Amino acid sequence: MKSGMKVGQTASVTVTVTPDMFAQFDGEVVHPVYSTVSMVYHMEWASRKIILPFLEENEEGMGGAVSMKHIAPSSEGTTVTITATLTELQSNIVITKAEARNENGLIGIGEVKQVILPKERIRMMGK
């Protein structure tokens, strides 16, 4: 891992809620609002953006854990911004806090843990 990653660094992802982000199971929409699954994905993505500039060519980040709380709904067409903030760095373990907000305020909070590993080691895990 390259040097320079520091607690307090942030990265964001901004999306407009579309029908493919609705809560659904087996292709059936349960309710037409931003799903918890989409929120988790976007929290992981914002957190990943923090580590990307610091990965060596032979390294990759791997998800280790996600915990989150979906606080409020966000309907189709609303803009959601997910911001991750680096809160803890322990050797090759990166922990971020994430917040999701729309035009009405806070809609989700969470924590994402990533582990930076050699790509070869990750490939071997799949065998």
C-alpha atoms as a PDB file:
ATOM      1  CA  MET A   1       0.000   0.000   0.000  1.00  0.00           C
ATOM      2  CA  LYS A   2       1.294   3.424  -0.931  1.00  0.00           C
ATOM      3  CA  SER A   3       1.819   5.916   1.859  1.00  0.00           C
ATOM      4  CA  GLY A   4      -0.371   8.927   2.453  1.00  0.00           C
ATOM      5  CA  MET A   5      -3.713   7.446   3.479  1.00  0.00           C
ATOM      6  CA  LYS A   6      -4.879   9.306   6.576  1.00  0.00           C
ATOM      7  CA  VAL A   7      -7.792   9.295   8.998  1.00  0.00           C
ATOM      8  CA  GLY A   8     -10.264  11.981   7.987  1.00  0.00           C
ATOM      9  CA  GLN A   9      -9.984  11.507   4.219  1.00  0.00           C
ATOM     10  CA  THR A  10     -13.345  11.435   2.458  1.00  0.00           C
ATOM     11  CA  ALA A  11     -14.844  10.315  -0.829  1.00  0.00           C
ATOM     12  CA  SER A  12     -18.376  10.569  -2.162  1.00  0.00           C
ATOM     13  CA  VAL A  13     -20.728   8.959  -4.631  1.00  0.00           C
ATOM     14  CA  THR A  14     -23.807  10.820  -5.864  1.00  0.00           C
ATOM     15  CA  VAL A  15     -26.660   8.986  -7.580  1.00  0.00           C
ATOM     16  CA  THR A  16     -30.174   9.711  -8.754  1.00  0.00           C
ATOM     17  CA  VAL A  17     -32.619   7.052  -7.567  1.00  0.00           C
ATOM     18  CA  THR A  18     -33.885   5.008 -10.523  1.00  0.00           C
ATOM     19  CA  PRO A  19     -36.245   2.005 -10.692  1.00  0.00           C
ATOM     20  CA  ASP A  20     -33.313  -0.442 -10.806  1.00  0.00           C
ATOM     21  CA  MET A  21     -32.429   0.769  -7.270  1.00  0.00           C
ATOM     22  CA  PHE A  22     -35.916  -0.003  -5.881  1.00  0.00           C
ATOM     23  CA  ALA A  23     -36.410  -2.669  -3.237  1.00  0.00           C
ATOM     24  CA  GLN A  24     -37.217  -5.852  -5.153  1.00  0.00           C
ATOM     25  CA  PHE A  25     -37.037  -9.600  -4.898  1.00  0.00           C
ATOM     26  CA  ASP A  26     -37.055 -11.997  -7.851  1.00  0.00           C
ATOM     27  CA  GLY A  27     -37.604  -9.010 -10.133  1.00  0.00           C
ATOM     28  CA  GLU A  28     -40.769  -7.907  -8.317  1.00  0.00           C
ATOM     29  CA  VAL A  29     -40.690  -4.395  -6.833  1.00  0.00           C
ATOM     30  CA  VAL A  30     -41.700  -4.522  -3.172  1.00  0.00           C
ATOM     31  CA  HIS A  31     -41.793  -0.751  -2.804  1.00  0.00           C
ATOM     32  CA  PRO A  32     -40.635   1.953  -5.226  1.00  0.00           C
ATOM     33  CA  VAL A  33     -37.919   3.564  -3.098  1.00  0.00           C
ATOM     34  CA  TYR A  34     -34.127   3.376  -2.798  1.00  0.00           C
ATOM     35  CA  SER A  35     -33.320  -0.085  -1.480  1.00  0.00           C
ATOM     36  CA  THR A  36     -31.089  -1.030   1.414  1.00  0.00           C
ATOM     37  CA  VAL A  37     -29.095  -3.204  -1.005  1.00  0.00           C
ATOM     38  CA  SER A  38     -28.393  -0.162  -3.195  1.00  0.00           C
ATOM     39  CA  MET A  39     -27.402   1.893  -0.169  1.00  0.00           C
ATOM     40  CA  VAL A  40     -24.916  -0.751   0.982  1.00  0.00           C
ATOM     41  CA  TYR A  41     -23.464  -0.940  -2.541  1.00  0.00           C
ATOM     42  CA  HIS A  42     -23.013   2.832  -2.706  1.00  0.00           C
ATOM     43  CA  MET A  43     -21.466   2.939   0.790  1.00  0.00           C
ATOM     44  CA  GLU A  44     -18.951   0.309  -0.315  1.00  0.00           C
ATOM     45  CA  TRP A  45     -18.264   2.244  -3.515  1.00  0.00           C
ATOM     46  CA  ALA A  46     -17.635   5.540  -1.693  1.00  0.00           C
ATOM     47  CA  SER A  47     -15.355   3.729   0.749  1.00  0.00           C
ATOM     48  CA  ARG A  48     -13.484   2.055  -2.115  1.00  0.00           C
ATOM     49  CA  LYS A  49     -12.809   5.447  -3.692  1.00  0.00           C
ATOM     50  CA  ILE A  50     -10.732   6.316  -0.603  1.00  0.00           C
ATOM     51  CA  ILE A  51      -8.351   3.386  -1.046  1.00  0.00           C
ATOM     52  CA  LEU A  52      -7.986   3.401  -4.845  1.00  0.00           C
ATOM     53  CA  PRO A  53      -5.186   6.015  -5.056  1.00  0.00           C
ATOM     54  CA  PHE A  54      -3.149   4.069  -2.491  1.00  0.00           C
ATOM     55  CA  LEU A  55      -3.277   0.563  -3.975  1.00  0.00           C
ATOM     56  CA  GLU A  56      -0.069  -0.812  -5.415  1.00  0.00           C
ATOM     57  CA  GLU A  57      -0.364  -2.500  -8.813  1.00  0.00           C
ATOM     58  CA  ASN A  58      -0.320  -5.943  -7.182  1.00  0.00           C
ATOM     59  CA  GLU A  59      -2.947  -5.087  -4.528  1.00  0.00           C
ATOM     60  CA  GLU A  60      -6.710  -4.970  -4.297  1.00  0.00           C
ATOM     61  CA  GLY A  61      -9.220  -4.027  -1.637  1.00  0.00           C
ATOM     62  CA  MET A  62     -11.576  -6.706  -0.426  1.00  0.00           C
ATOM     63  CA  GLY A  63     -14.727  -6.138   1.596  1.00  0.00           C
ATOM     64  CA  GLY A  64     -14.434  -7.390   5.149  1.00  0.00           C
ATOM     65  CA  ALA A  65     -17.658  -6.179   6.766  1.00  0.00           C
ATOM     66  CA  VAL A  66     -20.507  -3.743   6.364  1.00  0.00           C
ATOM     67  CA  SER A  67     -22.914  -2.596   9.035  1.00  0.00           C
ATOM     68  CA  MET A  68     -25.539  -0.011   8.306  1.00  0.00           C
ATOM     69  CA  LYS A  69     -28.871   1.430   9.304  1.00  0.00           C
ATOM     70  CA  HIS A  70     -31.383   2.563   6.680  1.00  0.00           C
ATOM     71  CA  ILE A  71     -33.120   5.494   8.372  1.00  0.00           C
ATOM     72  CA  ALA A  72     -35.462   7.061   5.803  1.00  0.00           C
ATOM     73  CA  PRO A  73     -36.806   6.401   2.289  1.00  0.00           C
ATOM     74  CA  SER A  74     -35.728   8.114  -0.898  1.00  0.00           C
ATOM     75  CA  SER A  75     -38.070   8.020  -3.884  1.00  0.00           C
ATOM     76  CA  GLU A  76     -37.426   7.864  -7.616  1.00  0.00           C
ATOM     77  CA  GLY A  77     -35.686  10.932  -8.990  1.00  0.00           C
ATOM     78  CA  THR A  78     -34.196  12.069  -5.693  1.00  0.00           C
ATOM     79  CA  THR A  79     -30.472  12.662  -5.447  1.00  0.00           C
ATOM     80  CA  VAL A  80     -28.590  10.619  -2.870  1.00  0.00           C
ATOM     81  CA  THR A  81     -25.035  11.477  -1.858  1.00  0.00           C
ATOM     82  CA  ILE A  82     -23.049   8.900   0.069  1.00  0.00           C
ATOM     83  CA  THR A  83     -19.931  10.153   1.811  1.00  0.00           C
ATOM     84  CA  ALA A  84     -17.347   7.846   3.353  1.00  0.00           C
ATOM     85  CA  THR A  85     -14.820   9.103   5.885  1.00  0.00           C
ATOM     86  CA  LEU A  86     -11.729   7.144   6.854  1.00  0.00           C
ATOM     87  CA  THR A  87     -11.921   6.616  10.622  1.00  0.00           C
ATOM     88  CA  GLU A  88      -9.381   3.876  11.291  1.00  0.00           C
ATOM     89  CA  LEU A  89      -6.313   2.490   9.558  1.00  0.00           C
ATOM     90  CA  GLN A  90      -4.681  -0.625  11.011  1.00  0.00           C
ATOM     91  CA  SER A  91      -1.910  -1.963   8.805  1.00  0.00           C
ATOM     92  CA  ASN A  92      -3.870  -3.311   5.805  1.00  0.00           C
ATOM     93  CA  ILE A  93      -7.338  -2.809   7.329  1.00  0.00           C
ATOM     94  CA  VAL A  94      -9.270   0.331   6.388  1.00  0.00           C
ATOM     95  CA  ILE A  95     -12.444   1.313   8.236  1.00  0.00           C
ATOM     96  CA  THR A  96     -14.768   4.064   7.063  1.00  0.00           C
ATOM     97  CA  LYS A  97     -17.962   5.605   8.366  1.00  0.00           C
ATOM     98  CA  ALA A  98     -20.545   6.291   5.685  1.00  0.00           C
ATOM     99  CA  GLU A  99     -23.509   8.633   5.552  1.00  0.00           C
ATOM    100  CA  ALA A 100     -26.233   8.711   2.919  1.00  0.00           C
ATOM    101  CA  ARG A 101     -28.206  11.924   2.465  1.00  0.00           C
ATOM    102  CA  ASN A 102     -30.896  13.134   0.112  1.00  0.00           C
ATOM    103  CA  GLU A 103     -32.604  16.499  -0.286  1.00  0.00           C
ATOM    104  CA  ASN A 104     -34.473  15.934   3.009  1.00  0.00           C
ATOM    105  CA  GLY A 105     -31.458  14.986   5.129  1.00  0.00           C
ATOM    106  CA  LEU A 106     -29.841  11.861   6.539  1.00  0.00           C
ATOM    107  CA  ILE A 107     -31.261   8.590   5.184  1.00  0.00           C
ATOM    108  CA  GLY A 108     -28.585   6.086   6.222  1.00  0.00           C
ATOM    109  CA  ILE A 109     -25.452   5.548   8.284  1.00  0.00           C
ATOM    110  CA  GLY A 110     -22.928   2.759   8.214  1.00  0.00           C
ATOM    111  CA  GLU A 111     -19.433   1.417   8.615  1.00  0.00           C
ATOM    112  CA  VAL A 112     -17.391  -0.348   5.930  1.00  0.00           C
ATOM    113  CA  LYS A 113     -14.298  -2.457   6.563  1.00  0.00           C
ATOM    114  CA  GLN A 114     -11.912  -3.177   3.698  1.00  0.00           C
ATOM    115  CA  VAL A 115      -8.803  -5.317   3.752  1.00  0.00           C
ATOM    116  CA  ILE A 116      -5.988  -4.577   1.315  1.00  0.00           C
ATOM    117  CA  LEU A 117      -4.427  -7.801   0.066  1.00  0.00           C
ATOM    118  CA  PRO A 118      -2.133  -8.984  -2.715  1.00  0.00           C
ATOM    119  CA  LYS A 119      -4.186  -9.815  -5.829  1.00  0.00           C
ATOM    120  CA  GLU A 120      -2.578 -13.245  -5.962  1.00  0.00           C
ATOM    121  CA  ARG A 121      -3.787 -14.074  -2.459  1.00  0.00           C
ATOM    122  CA  ILE A 122      -7.332 -13.027  -3.405  1.00  0.00           C
ATOM    123  CA  ARG A 123      -7.178 -15.211  -6.550  1.00  0.00           C
ATOM    124  CA  MET A 124      -6.092 -18.195  -4.452  1.00  0.00           C
ATOM    125  CA  MET A 125      -9.109 -17.730  -2.134  1.00  0.00           C
ATOM    126  CA  GLY A 126     -11.423 -18.480  -5.037  1.00  0.00           C
ATOM    127  CA  LYS A 127      -9.850 -21.876  -5.706  1.00  0.00           C
END
